[in-house]
Amino acid sequence: MYQSWVFATTLAAGSGLFAYTAITGPPDMMASPPPAVDAVRVVPPEPPAAIAEPEPEPMVVLEPIVVEARQTPRLKAKPKVVPPSDRPCSTWRELGPTTVTKGKTTGSVSVRELCP
């Protein structure tokens, strides 16, 4: 709600500050013209001194390294033997009604709990 007022106030304050700075800016900002190109003298940098490169050191030569792995046969895991069950290990648990219409429930939703 106040966003348009804040935006307008900020815009007006920024514009006023810019105008004030442009009118009353530092006196030497526009008073003196920039120096002429002929008045500038460029001094080239001194060339770097010659640097003697050191003698190359002898390199160390290593023999190639070969990595070999031992081949061991993999044993297959035996499947778990689950004893047959004649009845489920969990019981039914009721979650709640299936639908509610005009304050009356119809049906129920039941689920099995997980076996330990």
Protein backbone atom coordinates (compact mmCIF):
# COMPACT_ATOMS: atom_id res chain seq x y z
CA MET A 1 0.00 0.00 0.00
CA TYR A 2 2.81 2.39 0.88
CA GLN A 3 5.14 1.11 -1.84
CA SER A 4 4.07 3.72 -4.39
CA TRP A 5 4.59 6.51 -1.82
CA VAL A 6 8.03 5.20 -0.87
CA PHE A 7 9.02 4.88 -4.54
CA ALA A 8 7.82 8.41 -5.40
CA THR A 9 9.57 9.92 -2.36
CA THR A 10 12.84 8.13 -3.14
CA LEU A 11 12.67 9.15 -6.81
CA ALA A 12 12.02 12.81 -5.92
CA ALA A 13 14.82 12.87 -3.33
CA GLY A 14 17.30 11.27 -5.75
CA SER A 15 16.39 13.67 -8.55
CA GLY A 16 16.72 16.67 -6.23
CA LEU A 17 20.11 15.49 -4.95
CA PHE A 18 21.36 14.99 -8.52
CA ALA A 19 20.18 18.47 -9.56
CA TYR A 20 21.72 20.09 -6.47
CA THR A 21 25.06 18.34 -7.10
CA ALA A 22 25.04 19.35 -10.78
CA ILE A 23 24.42 23.02 -9.94
CA THR A 24 26.62 23.42 -6.86
CA GLY A 25 29.27 20.80 -7.67
CA PRO A 26 32.96 21.37 -6.93
CA PRO A 27 34.21 24.56 -8.60
CA ASP A 28 37.20 22.91 -10.24
CA MET A 29 35.12 20.19 -11.86
CA MET A 30 34.32 22.14 -15.02
CA ALA A 31 36.54 25.20 -14.58
CA SER A 32 39.86 23.84 -15.85
CA PRO A 33 40.00 22.13 -19.24
CA PRO A 34 41.80 18.80 -19.49
CA PRO A 35 45.54 19.02 -20.31
CA ALA A 36 46.52 19.10 -23.96
CA VAL A 37 47.96 15.97 -25.51
CA ASP A 38 51.28 17.71 -26.28
CA ALA A 39 51.81 18.52 -22.59
CA VAL A 40 51.97 14.83 -21.64
CA ARG A 41 55.32 13.06 -21.90
CA VAL A 42 55.42 9.28 -21.74
CA VAL A 43 58.57 7.76 -20.30
CA PRO A 44 59.17 4.20 -21.54
CA PRO A 45 59.96 1.67 -18.83
CA GLU A 46 63.49 0.37 -18.47
CA PRO A 47 64.10 -3.00 -20.10
CA PRO A 48 64.46 -5.85 -17.63
CA ALA A 49 67.93 -7.08 -16.79
CA ALA A 50 69.02 -10.33 -18.40
CA ILE A 51 68.41 -13.30 -16.17
CA ALA A 52 70.74 -16.27 -16.53
CA GLU A 53 68.89 -19.57 -16.58
CA PRO A 54 70.22 -22.20 -14.22
CA GLU A 55 71.81 -25.38 -15.51
CA PRO A 56 69.23 -28.14 -15.93
CA GLU A 57 69.45 -30.70 -13.19
CA PRO A 58 69.68 -34.36 -14.11
CA MET A 59 66.30 -36.06 -14.19
CA VAL A 60 65.47 -39.13 -12.13
CA VAL A 61 64.37 -42.02 -14.32
CA LEU A 62 62.18 -44.61 -12.64
CA GLU A 63 61.30 -48.04 -13.92
CA PRO A 64 57.65 -48.53 -14.79
CA ILE A 65 55.50 -49.93 -12.00
CA VAL A 66 53.08 -52.75 -12.83
CA VAL A 67 50.26 -53.48 -10.42
CA GLU A 68 48.69 -56.91 -10.62
CA ALA A 69 45.75 -58.15 -8.59
CA ARG A 70 45.37 -61.64 -7.28
CA GLN A 71 42.56 -63.50 -8.94
CA THR A 72 40.41 -65.15 -6.29
CA PRO A 73 37.20 -66.92 -7.18
CA ARG A 74 34.11 -65.25 -5.82
CA LEU A 75 31.86 -67.35 -3.69
CA LYS A 76 28.17 -66.99 -4.28
CA ALA A 77 26.07 -66.27 -1.23
CA LYS A 78 23.62 -68.92 -0.26
CA PRO A 79 20.02 -67.74 -0.43
CA LYS A 80 18.28 -67.34 2.90
CA VAL A 81 15.92 -70.12 3.69
CA VAL A 82 12.64 -68.74 4.98
CA PRO A 83 10.55 -71.28 6.83
CA PRO A 84 7.10 -71.55 5.30
CA SER A 85 4.39 -69.95 7.37
CA ASP A 86 0.82 -71.12 7.52
CA ARG A 87 -0.42 -67.80 8.92
CA PRO A 88 0.69 -64.16 8.58
CA CYS A 89 3.00 -62.78 11.24
CA SER A 90 1.10 -59.51 11.65
CA THR A 91 -2.40 -58.42 12.53
CA TRP A 92 -4.83 -56.06 10.85
CA ARG A 93 -5.06 -52.49 12.06
CA GLU A 94 -8.03 -50.22 11.29
CA LEU A 95 -7.14 -46.75 9.98
CA GLY A 96 -10.59 -45.20 9.83
CA PRO A 97 -13.74 -44.90 7.78
CA THR A 98 -13.68 -45.05 3.98
CA THR A 99 -16.12 -42.16 3.46
CA VAL A 100 -18.11 -39.78 5.62
CA THR A 101 -21.41 -38.56 4.22
CA LYS A 102 -23.69 -36.25 6.22
CA GLY A 103 -21.93 -37.20 9.44
CA LYS A 104 -22.32 -40.96 8.87
CA THR A 105 -19.35 -43.19 8.15
CA THR A 106 -19.40 -46.00 5.64
CA GLY A 107 -16.83 -48.77 5.29
CA SER A 108 -13.46 -48.93 6.96
CA VAL A 109 -9.86 -48.96 5.81
CA SER A 110 -7.65 -51.63 7.37
CA VAL A 111 -3.97 -52.34 6.85
CA ARG A 112 -1.54 -55.01 8.02
CA GLU A 113 1.22 -53.99 10.37
CA LEU A 114 4.73 -54.90 9.27
CA CYS A 115 6.28 -58.09 10.54
CA PRO A 116 9.12 -57.64 13.02
